[in-house]
Amino acid sequence: AMNSYIVLGNYTEKGIAAIKQSPKRRAGVRKLLEKLGGRMKDFYLTMGGPDLVLVVELPSDEACARFALTVGSAGFVRTTTLKAFPEKSYHKIIESI
């Protein structure tokens, strides 16, 4: 089963200076996720905190760490990653308490 993650992204100075190339980089992010056995479920440009919000699925926390480190190492975006438990898992967790 795949794990869900919410990735909050903020452009770095390098990223905002090269903003016109952002769509091309996003295509590369999709390819990276596929290479790691995952996929991008949703992508949002946001205001009020993070610049970007991605909802991704990956097979493991290790794959997610590879994803975040690879994206971060490019220097265009800094990320914060949240592991997300879907509603079905939420119910199981609450019932087990």
PDB file of N, CA and C in Angstrom:
ATOM      1  N   ALA A   1       0.846  -1.195   0.000  1.00  0.00           N
ATOM      2  CA  ALA A   1       0.000   0.000   0.000  1.00  0.00           C
ATOM      3  C   ALA A   1       0.884   1.248   0.000  1.00  0.00           C
ATOM      4  N   MET A   2       0.395   2.270  -0.641  1.00  0.00           N
ATOM      5  CA  MET A   2       1.133   3.526  -0.740  1.00  0.00           C
ATOM      6  C   MET A   2       0.864   4.393   0.485  1.00  0.00           C
ATOM      7  N   ASN A   3       1.853   5.191   0.851  1.00  0.00           N
ATOM      8  CA  ASN A   3       1.709   6.185   1.907  1.00  0.00           C
ATOM      9  C   ASN A   3       1.427   7.535   1.265  1.00  0.00           C
ATOM     10  N   SER A   4       0.643   8.350   1.956  1.00  0.00           N
ATOM     11  CA  SER A   4       0.356   9.708   1.480  1.00  0.00           C
ATOM     12  C   SER A   4       1.188  10.716   2.266  1.00  0.00           C
ATOM     13  N   TYR A   5       1.651  11.730   1.563  1.00  0.00           N
ATOM     14  CA  TYR A   5       2.441  12.796   2.175  1.00  0.00           C
ATOM     15  C   TYR A   5       1.957  14.132   1.632  1.00  0.00           C
ATOM     16  N   ILE A   6       1.948  15.131   2.499  1.00  0.00           N
ATOM     17  CA  ILE A   6       1.662  16.496   2.086  1.00  0.00           C
ATOM     18  C   ILE A   6       2.991  17.239   2.154  1.00  0.00           C
ATOM     19  N   VAL A   7       3.396  17.798   1.027  1.00  0.00           N
ATOM     20  CA  VAL A   7       4.679  18.489   0.943  1.00  0.00           C
ATOM     21  C   VAL A   7       4.407  19.982   0.801  1.00  0.00           C
ATOM     22  N   LEU A   8       4.902  20.750   1.776  1.00  0.00           N
ATOM     23  CA  LEU A   8       4.784  22.207   1.749  1.00  0.00           C
ATOM     24  C   LEU A   8       6.085  22.760   1.194  1.00  0.00           C
ATOM     25  N   GLY A   9       5.993  23.593   0.188  1.00  0.00           N
ATOM     26  CA  GLY A   9       7.198  24.131  -0.446  1.00  0.00           C
ATOM     27  C   GLY A   9       7.248  25.639  -0.405  1.00  0.00           C
ATOM     28  N   ASN A  10       8.445  26.165  -0.179  1.00  0.00           N
ATOM     29  CA  ASN A  10       8.684  27.606  -0.261  1.00  0.00           C
ATOM     30  C   ASN A  10       9.831  27.849  -1.227  1.00  0.00           C
ATOM     31  N   TYR A  11       9.607  28.775  -2.153  1.00  0.00           N
ATOM     32  CA  TYR A  11      10.669  29.124  -3.093  1.00  0.00           C
ATOM     33  C   TYR A  11      11.849  29.737  -2.357  1.00  0.00           C
ATOM     34  N   THR A  12      13.032  29.355  -2.756  1.00  0.00           N
ATOM     35  CA  THR A  12      14.254  30.003  -2.289  1.00  0.00           C
ATOM     36  C   THR A  12      14.483  31.235  -3.164  1.00  0.00           C
ATOM     37  N   GLU A  13      15.504  32.033  -2.844  1.00  0.00           N
ATOM     38  CA  GLU A  13      15.839  33.178  -3.701  1.00  0.00           C
ATOM     39  C   GLU A  13      16.148  32.705  -5.116  1.00  0.00           C
ATOM     40  N   LYS A  14      16.883  31.594  -5.216  1.00  0.00           N
ATOM     41  CA  LYS A  14      17.207  31.003  -6.527  1.00  0.00           C
ATOM     42  C   LYS A  14      15.924  30.589  -7.251  1.00  0.00           C
ATOM     43  N   GLY A  15      14.978  30.006  -6.512  1.00  0.00           N
ATOM     44  CA  GLY A  15      13.729  29.539  -7.106  1.00  0.00           C
ATOM     45  C   GLY A  15      12.854  30.653  -7.614  1.00  0.00           C
ATOM     46  N   ILE A  16      12.734  31.724  -6.856  1.00  0.00           N
ATOM     47  CA  ILE A  16      11.880  32.830  -7.283  1.00  0.00           C
ATOM     48  C   ILE A  16      12.540  33.599  -8.431  1.00  0.00           C
ATOM     49  N   ALA A  17      13.871  33.663  -8.441  1.00  0.00           N
ATOM     50  CA  ALA A  17      14.578  34.330  -9.549  1.00  0.00           C
ATOM     51  C   ALA A  17      14.379  33.574 -10.863  1.00  0.00           C
ATOM     52  N   ALA A  18      14.178  32.258 -10.778  1.00  0.00           N
ATOM     53  CA  ALA A  18      13.996  31.420 -11.970  1.00  0.00           C
ATOM     54  C   ALA A  18      12.554  30.921 -12.064  1.00  0.00           C
ATOM     55  N   ILE A  19      11.590  31.738 -11.618  1.00  0.00           N
ATOM     56  CA  ILE A  19      10.196  31.308 -11.523  1.00  0.00           C
ATOM     57  C   ILE A  19       9.610  30.890 -12.870  1.00  0.00           C
ATOM     58  N   LYS A  20      10.053  31.508 -13.959  1.00  0.00           N
ATOM     59  CA  LYS A  20       9.498  31.174 -15.286  1.00  0.00           C
ATOM     60  C   LYS A  20       9.767  29.724 -15.670  1.00  0.00           C
ATOM     61  N   GLN A  21      10.810  29.118 -15.106  1.00  0.00           N
ATOM     62  CA  GLN A  21      11.134  27.725 -15.400  1.00  0.00           C
ATOM     63  C   GLN A  21      10.443  26.754 -14.437  1.00  0.00           C
ATOM     64  N   SER A  22       9.670  27.289 -13.510  1.00  0.00           N
ATOM     65  CA  SER A  22       9.021  26.453 -12.498  1.00  0.00           C
ATOM     66  C   SER A  22       8.147  25.344 -13.094  1.00  0.00           C
ATOM     67  N   PRO A  23       7.324  25.611 -14.127  1.00  0.00           N
ATOM     68  CA  PRO A  23       6.525  24.516 -14.696  1.00  0.00           C
ATOM     69  C   PRO A  23       7.385  23.366 -15.245  1.00  0.00           C
ATOM     70  N   LYS A  24       8.516  23.701 -15.831  1.00  0.00           N
ATOM     71  CA  LYS A  24       9.419  22.664 -16.345  1.00  0.00           C
ATOM     72  C   LYS A  24       9.989  21.842 -15.186  1.00  0.00           C
ATOM     73  N   ARG A  25      10.331  22.518 -14.101  1.00  0.00           N
ATOM     74  CA  ARG A  25      10.857  21.807 -12.926  1.00  0.00           C
ATOM     75  C   ARG A  25       9.777  20.910 -12.315  1.00  0.00           C
ATOM     76  N   ARG A  26       8.541  21.379 -12.324  1.00  0.00           N
ATOM     77  CA  ARG A  26       7.432  20.576 -11.787  1.00  0.00           C
ATOM     78  C   ARG A  26       7.284  19.283 -12.576  1.00  0.00           C
ATOM     79  N   ALA A  27       7.466  19.337 -13.889  1.00  0.00           N
ATOM     80  CA  ALA A  27       7.426  18.121 -14.704  1.00  0.00           C
ATOM     81  C   ALA A  27       8.531  17.156 -14.263  1.00  0.00           C
ATOM     82  N   GLY A  28       9.693  17.696 -13.924  1.00  0.00           N
ATOM     83  CA  GLY A  28      10.790  16.873 -13.420  1.00  0.00           C
ATOM     84  C   GLY A  28      10.461  16.246 -12.078  1.00  0.00           C
ATOM     85  N   VAL A  29       9.710  16.970 -11.253  1.00  0.00           N
ATOM     86  CA  VAL A  29       9.278  16.439  -9.951  1.00  0.00           C
ATOM     87  C   VAL A  29       8.351  15.242 -10.162  1.00  0.00           C
ATOM     88  N   ARG A  30       7.450  15.358 -11.131  1.00  0.00           N
ATOM     89  CA  ARG A  30       6.556  14.221 -11.452  1.00  0.00           C
ATOM     90  C   ARG A  30       7.370  12.995 -11.864  1.00  0.00           C
ATOM     91  N   LYS A  31       8.372  13.210 -12.714  1.00  0.00           N
ATOM     92  CA  LYS A  31       9.216  12.101 -13.173  1.00  0.00           C
ATOM     93  C   LYS A  31       9.974  11.488 -12.008  1.00  0.00           C
ATOM     94  N   LEU A  32      10.491  12.321 -11.109  1.00  0.00           N
ATOM     95  CA  LEU A  32      11.205  11.830  -9.930  1.00  0.00           C
ATOM     96  C   LEU A  32      10.278  10.963  -9.075  1.00  0.00           C
ATOM     97  N   LEU A  33       9.069  11.416  -8.853  1.00  0.00           N
ATOM     98  CA  LEU A  33       8.114  10.631  -8.063  1.00  0.00           C
ATOM     99  C   LEU A  33       7.855   9.275  -8.712  1.00  0.00           C
ATOM    100  N   GLU A  34       7.685   9.267 -10.033  1.00  0.00           N
ATOM    101  CA  GLU A  34       7.463   8.002 -10.749  1.00  0.00           C
ATOM    102  C   GLU A  34       8.669   7.084 -10.611  1.00  0.00           C
ATOM    103  N   LYS A  35       9.867   7.640 -10.720  1.00  0.00           N
ATOM    104  CA  LYS A  35      11.100   6.861 -10.575  1.00  0.00           C
ATOM    105  C   LYS A  35      11.187   6.223  -9.183  1.00  0.00           C
ATOM    106  N   LEU A  36      10.660   6.916  -8.182  1.00  0.00           N
ATOM    107  CA  LEU A  36      10.678   6.406  -6.809  1.00  0.00           C
ATOM    108  C   LEU A  36       9.475   5.508  -6.503  1.00  0.00           C
ATOM    109  N   GLY A  37       8.659   5.231  -7.513  1.00  0.00           N
ATOM    110  CA  GLY A  37       7.515   4.339  -7.335  1.00  0.00           C
ATOM    111  C   GLY A  37       6.260   5.031  -6.839  1.00  0.00           C
ATOM    112  N   GLY A  38       6.226   6.363  -6.973  1.00  0.00           N
ATOM    113  CA  GLY A  38       5.080   7.119  -6.467  1.00  0.00           C
ATOM    114  C   GLY A  38       4.391   7.933  -7.527  1.00  0.00           C
ATOM    115  N   ARG A  39       3.584   8.881  -7.062  1.00  0.00           N
ATOM    116  CA  ARG A  39       2.864   9.765  -7.992  1.00  0.00           C
ATOM    117  C   ARG A  39       2.436  11.032  -7.275  1.00  0.00           C
ATOM    118  N   MET A  40       2.200  12.073  -8.067  1.00  0.00           N
ATOM    119  CA  MET A  40       1.671  13.323  -7.541  1.00  0.00           C
ATOM    120  C   MET A  40       0.151  13.265  -7.675  1.00  0.00           C
ATOM    121  N   LYS A  41      -0.554  13.353  -6.555  1.00  0.00           N
ATOM    122  CA  LYS A  41      -2.020  13.353  -6.585  1.00  0.00           C
ATOM    123  C   LYS A  41      -2.559  14.747  -6.853  1.00  0.00           C
ATOM    124  N   ASP A  42      -1.972  15.756  -6.193  1.00  0.00           N
ATOM    125  CA  ASP A  42      -2.444  17.131  -6.339  1.00  0.00           C
ATOM    126  C   ASP A  42      -1.277  18.092  -6.238  1.00  0.00           C
ATOM    127  N   PHE A  43      -1.431  19.240  -6.881  1.00  0.00           N
ATOM    128  CA  PHE A  43      -0.428  20.307  -6.845  1.00  0.00           C
ATOM    129  C   PHE A  43      -1.180  21.631  -6.748  1.00  0.00           C
ATOM    130  N   TYR A  44      -0.770  22.476  -5.811  1.00  0.00           N
ATOM    131  CA  TYR A  44      -1.408  23.781  -5.648  1.00  0.00           C
ATOM    132  C   TYR A  44      -0.359  24.865  -5.492  1.00  0.00           C
ATOM    133  N   LEU A  45      -0.571  25.991  -6.146  1.00  0.00           N
ATOM    134  CA  LEU A  45       0.133  27.229  -5.838  1.00  0.00           C
ATOM    135  C   LEU A  45      -0.706  27.874  -4.740  1.00  0.00           C
ATOM    136  N   THR A  46      -0.080  28.261  -3.632  1.00  0.00           N
ATOM    137  CA  THR A  46      -0.850  28.750  -2.494  1.00  0.00           C
ATOM    138  C   THR A  46      -0.347  30.114  -2.028  1.00  0.00           C
ATOM    139  N   MET A  47      -1.183  30.786  -1.243  1.00  0.00           N
ATOM    140  CA  MET A  47      -0.831  32.071  -0.650  1.00  0.00           C
ATOM    141  C   MET A  47      -1.066  31.976   0.851  1.00  0.00           C
ATOM    142  N   GLY A  48      -0.281  32.704   1.629  1.00  0.00           N
ATOM    143  CA  GLY A  48      -0.543  32.795   3.046  1.00  0.00           C
ATOM    144  C   GLY A  48       0.382  31.984   3.926  1.00  0.00           C
ATOM    145  N   GLY A  49       1.382  31.389   3.372  1.00  0.00           N
ATOM    146  CA  GLY A  49       2.330  30.557   4.127  1.00  0.00           C
ATOM    147  C   GLY A  49       3.234  29.885   3.118  1.00  0.00           C
ATOM    148  N   PRO A  50       3.001  28.595   2.870  1.00  0.00           N
ATOM    149  CA  PRO A  50       3.780  27.930   1.815  1.00  0.00           C
ATOM    150  C   PRO A  50       3.439  28.521   0.445  1.00  0.00           C
ATOM    151  N   ASP A  51       4.402  28.447  -0.462  1.00  0.00           N
ATOM    152  CA  ASP A  51       4.163  28.865  -1.845  1.00  0.00           C
ATOM    153  C   ASP A  51       3.502  27.754  -2.652  1.00  0.00           C
ATOM    154  N   LEU A  52       3.791  26.511  -2.263  1.00  0.00           N
ATOM    155  CA  LEU A  52       3.298  25.341  -2.986  1.00  0.00           C
ATOM    156  C   LEU A  52       2.831  24.288  -1.989  1.00  0.00           C
ATOM    157  N   VAL A  53       1.794  23.544  -2.370  1.00  0.00           N
ATOM    158  CA  VAL A  53       1.367  22.372  -1.603  1.00  0.00           C
ATOM    159  C   VAL A  53       1.194  21.226  -2.589  1.00  0.00           C
ATOM    160  N   LEU A  54       1.879  20.124  -2.311  1.00  0.00           N
ATOM    161  CA  LEU A  54       1.763  18.921  -3.128  1.00  0.00           C
ATOM    162  C   LEU A  54       1.203  17.814  -2.256  1.00  0.00           C
ATOM    163  N   VAL A  55       0.348  16.997  -2.833  1.00  0.00           N
ATOM    164  CA  VAL A  55      -0.093  15.770  -2.189  1.00  0.00           C
ATOM    165  C   VAL A  55       0.485  14.646  -3.035  1.00  0.00           C
ATOM    166  N   VAL A  56       1.344  13.844  -2.412  1.00  0.00           N
ATOM    167  CA  VAL A  56       2.029  12.786  -3.147  1.00  0.00           C
ATOM    168  C   VAL A  56       1.809  11.443  -2.477  1.00  0.00           C
ATOM    169  N   GLU A  57       1.955  10.386  -3.264  1.00  0.00           N
ATOM    170  CA  GLU A  57       1.946   9.028  -2.747  1.00  0.00           C
ATOM    171  C   GLU A  57       3.290   8.413  -3.056  1.00  0.00           C
ATOM    172  N   LEU A  58       3.865   7.756  -2.062  1.00  0.00           N
ATOM    173  CA  LEU A  58       5.139   7.057  -2.224  1.00  0.00           C
ATOM    174  C   LEU A  58       5.081   5.752  -1.447  1.00  0.00           C
ATOM    175  N   PRO A  59       5.878   4.753  -1.849  1.00  0.00           N
ATOM    176  CA  PRO A  59       5.779   3.448  -1.210  1.00  0.00           C
ATOM    177  C   PRO A  59       6.333   3.374   0.210  1.00  0.00           C
ATOM    178  N   SER A  60       7.172   4.332   0.618  1.00  0.00           N
ATOM    179  CA  SER A  60       7.791   4.232   1.946  1.00  0.00           C
ATOM    180  C   SER A  60       8.282   5.598   2.405  1.00  0.00           C
ATOM    181  N   ASP A  61       8.535   5.689   3.722  1.00  0.00           N
ATOM    182  CA  ASP A  61       9.120   6.910   4.271  1.00  0.00           C
ATOM    183  C   ASP A  61      10.506   7.147   3.678  1.00  0.00           C
ATOM    184  N   GLU A  62      11.243   6.057   3.425  1.00  0.00           N
ATOM    185  CA  GLU A  62      12.584   6.187   2.827  1.00  0.00           C
ATOM    186  C   GLU A  62      12.495   6.807   1.433  1.00  0.00           C
ATOM    187  N   ALA A  63      11.521   6.362   0.636  1.00  0.00           N
ATOM    188  CA  ALA A  63      11.338   6.942  -0.702  1.00  0.00           C
ATOM    189  C   ALA A  63      10.965   8.411  -0.590  1.00  0.00           C
ATOM    190  N   CYS A  64      10.158   8.753   0.410  1.00  0.00           N
ATOM    191  CA  CYS A  64       9.776  10.155   0.617  1.00  0.00           C
ATOM    192  C   CYS A  64      10.992  10.986   1.015  1.00  0.00           C
ATOM    193  N   ALA A  65      11.855  10.429   1.865  1.00  0.00           N
ATOM    194  CA  ALA A  65      13.076  11.144   2.255  1.00  0.00           C
ATOM    195  C   ALA A  65      13.959  11.376   1.036  1.00  0.00           C
ATOM    196  N   ARG A  66      14.100  10.361   0.172  1.00  0.00           N
ATOM    197  CA  ARG A  66      14.872  10.525  -1.072  1.00  0.00           C
ATOM    198  C   ARG A  66      14.271  11.643  -1.919  1.00  0.00           C
ATOM    199  N   PHE A  67      12.949  11.647  -2.014  1.00  0.00           N
ATOM    200  CA  PHE A  67      12.253  12.668  -2.795  1.00  0.00           C
ATOM    201  C   PHE A  67      12.555  14.066  -2.241  1.00  0.00           C
ATOM    202  N   ALA A  68      12.350  14.257  -0.938  1.00  0.00           N
ATOM    203  CA  ALA A  68      12.540  15.574  -0.326  1.00  0.00           C
ATOM    204  C   ALA A  68      13.988  16.037  -0.439  1.00  0.00           C
ATOM    205  N   LEU A  69      14.933  15.138  -0.222  1.00  0.00           N
ATOM    206  CA  LEU A  69      16.350  15.509  -0.299  1.00  0.00           C
ATOM    207  C   LEU A  69      16.767  15.837  -1.732  1.00  0.00           C
ATOM    208  N   THR A  70      16.229  15.086  -2.688  1.00  0.00           N
ATOM    209  CA  THR A  70      16.555  15.348  -4.098  1.00  0.00           C
ATOM    210  C   THR A  70      15.998  16.702  -4.530  1.00  0.00           C
ATOM    211  N   VAL A  71      14.748  16.965  -4.188  1.00  0.00           N
ATOM    212  CA  VAL A  71      14.137  18.256  -4.529  1.00  0.00           C
ATOM    213  C   VAL A  71      14.901  19.385  -3.833  1.00  0.00           C
ATOM    214  N   GLY A  72      15.187  19.220  -2.546  1.00  0.00           N
ATOM    215  CA  GLY A  72      15.895  20.246  -1.793  1.00  0.00           C
ATOM    216  C   GLY A  72      17.287  20.523  -2.324  1.00  0.00           C
ATOM    217  N   SER A  73      17.965  19.466  -2.781  1.00  0.00           N
ATOM    218  CA  SER A  73      19.346  19.632  -3.250  1.00  0.00           C
ATOM    219  C   SER A  73      19.437  20.444  -4.528  1.00  0.00           C
ATOM    220  N   ALA A  74      18.326  20.562  -5.271  1.00  0.00           N
ATOM    221  CA  ALA A  74      18.324  21.378  -6.487  1.00  0.00           C
ATOM    222  C   ALA A  74      18.388  22.871  -6.139  1.00  0.00           C
ATOM    223  N   GLY A  75      17.935  23.233  -4.929  1.00  0.00           N
ATOM    224  CA  GLY A  75      18.093  24.601  -4.449  1.00  0.00           C
ATOM    225  C   GLY A  75      17.002  25.590  -4.812  1.00  0.00           C
ATOM    226  N   PHE A  76      15.934  25.138  -5.463  1.00  0.00           N
ATOM    227  CA  PHE A  76      14.873  26.056  -5.889  1.00  0.00           C
ATOM    228  C   PHE A  76      13.743  26.174  -4.874  1.00  0.00           C
ATOM    229  N   VAL A  77      13.547  25.096  -4.089  1.00  0.00           N
ATOM    230  CA  VAL A  77      12.440  25.039  -3.136  1.00  0.00           C
ATOM    231  C   VAL A  77      12.921  24.374  -1.851  1.00  0.00           C
ATOM    232  N   ARG A  78      12.489  24.901  -0.712  1.00  0.00           N
ATOM    233  CA  ARG A  78      12.687  24.226   0.581  1.00  0.00           C
ATOM    234  C   ARG A  78      11.372  23.549   0.926  1.00  0.00           C
ATOM    235  N   THR A  79      11.440  22.334   1.433  1.00  0.00           N
ATOM    236  CA  THR A  79      10.219  21.586   1.706  1.00  0.00           C
ATOM    237  C   THR A  79      10.063  21.249   3.182  1.00  0.00           C
ATOM    238  N   THR A  80       8.825  21.090   3.576  1.00  0.00           N
ATOM    239  CA  THR A  80       8.440  20.501   4.847  1.00  0.00           C
ATOM    240  C   THR A  80       7.457  19.397   4.485  1.00  0.00           C
ATOM    241  N   THR A  81       7.700  18.193   4.976  1.00  0.00           N
ATOM    242  CA  THR A  81       6.876  17.053   4.584  1.00  0.00           C
ATOM    243  C   THR A  81       6.081  16.539   5.770  1.00  0.00           C
ATOM    244  N   LEU A  82       4.799  16.333   5.544  1.00  0.00           N
ATOM    245  CA  LEU A  82       3.890  15.789   6.548  1.00  0.00           C
ATOM    246  C   LEU A  82       3.424  14.416   6.097  1.00  0.00           C
ATOM    247  N   LYS A  83       3.544  13.409   6.956  1.00  0.00           N
ATOM    248  CA  LYS A  83       2.959  12.108   6.626  1.00  0.00           C
ATOM    249  C   LYS A  83       1.470  12.214   6.900  1.00  0.00           C
ATOM    250  N   ALA A  84       0.667  11.815   5.936  1.00  0.00           N
ATOM    251  CA  ALA A  84      -0.780  11.975   6.033  1.00  0.00           C
ATOM    252  C   ALA A  84      -1.458  10.611   6.142  1.00  0.00           C
ATOM    253  N   PHE A  85      -2.322  10.478   7.137  1.00  0.00           N
ATOM    254  CA  PHE A  85      -3.087   9.253   7.321  1.00  0.00           C
ATOM    255  C   PHE A  85      -4.479   9.465   6.735  1.00  0.00           C
ATOM    256  N   PRO A  86      -4.877   8.650   5.755  1.00  0.00           N
ATOM    257  CA  PRO A  86      -6.203   8.824   5.165  1.00  0.00           C
ATOM    258  C   PRO A  86      -7.309   8.526   6.181  1.00  0.00           C
ATOM    259  N   GLU A  87      -8.521   8.906   5.840  1.00  0.00           N
ATOM    260  CA  GLU A  87      -9.641   8.798   6.773  1.00  0.00           C
ATOM    261  C   GLU A  87      -9.832   7.380   7.308  1.00  0.00           C
ATOM    262  N   LYS A  88      -9.668   6.390   6.451  1.00  0.00           N
ATOM    263  CA  LYS A  88      -9.819   4.992   6.892  1.00  0.00           C
ATOM    264  C   LYS A  88      -8.798   4.663   7.996  1.00  0.00           C
ATOM    265  N   SER A  89      -7.557   5.086   7.812  1.00  0.00           N
ATOM    266  CA  SER A  89      -6.521   4.871   8.830  1.00  0.00           C
ATOM    267  C   SER A  89      -6.828   5.663  10.089  1.00  0.00           C
ATOM    268  N   TYR A  90      -7.311   6.862   9.921  1.00  0.00           N
ATOM    269  CA  TYR A  90      -7.699   7.705  11.046  1.00  0.00           C
ATOM    270  C   TYR A  90      -8.703   6.974  11.939  1.00  0.00           C
ATOM    271  N   HIS A  91      -9.727   6.386  11.306  1.00  0.00           N
ATOM    272  CA  HIS A  91     -10.739   5.666  12.075  1.00  0.00           C
ATOM    273  C   HIS A  91     -10.131   4.482  12.818  1.00  0.00           C
ATOM    274  N   LYS A  92      -9.249   3.718  12.146  1.00  0.00           N
ATOM    275  CA  LYS A  92      -8.591   2.570  12.799  1.00  0.00           C
ATOM    276  C   LYS A  92      -7.755   3.017  13.991  1.00  0.00           C
ATOM    277  N   ILE A  93      -7.028   4.103  13.824  1.00  0.00           N
ATOM    278  CA  ILE A  93      -6.186   4.622  14.916  1.00  0.00           C
ATOM    279  C   ILE A  93      -7.060   5.030  16.101  1.00  0.00           C
ATOM    280  N   ILE A  94      -8.119   5.777  15.843  1.00  0.00           N
ATOM    281  CA  ILE A  94      -8.987   6.247  16.918  1.00  0.00           C
ATOM    282  C   ILE A  94      -9.676   5.071  17.612  1.00  0.00           C
ATOM    283  N   GLU A  95     -10.130   4.097  16.825  1.00  0.00           N
ATOM    284  CA  GLU A  95     -10.803   2.923  17.407  1.00  0.00           C
ATOM    285  C   GLU A  95      -9.856   2.103  18.279  1.00  0.00           C
ATOM    286  N   SER A  96      -8.562   2.156  18.003  1.00  0.00           N
ATOM    287  CA  SER A  96      -7.599   1.352  18.736  1.00  0.00           C
ATOM    288  C   SER A  96      -7.193   1.981  20.069  1.00  0.00           C
ATOM    289  N   ILE A  97      -7.652   3.197  20.328  1.00  0.00           N
ATOM    290  CA  ILE A  97      -7.271   3.886  21.572  1.00  0.00           C
ATOM    291  C   ILE A  97      -8.157   3.410  22.720  1.00  0.00           C
TER     292      ILE A  97
END
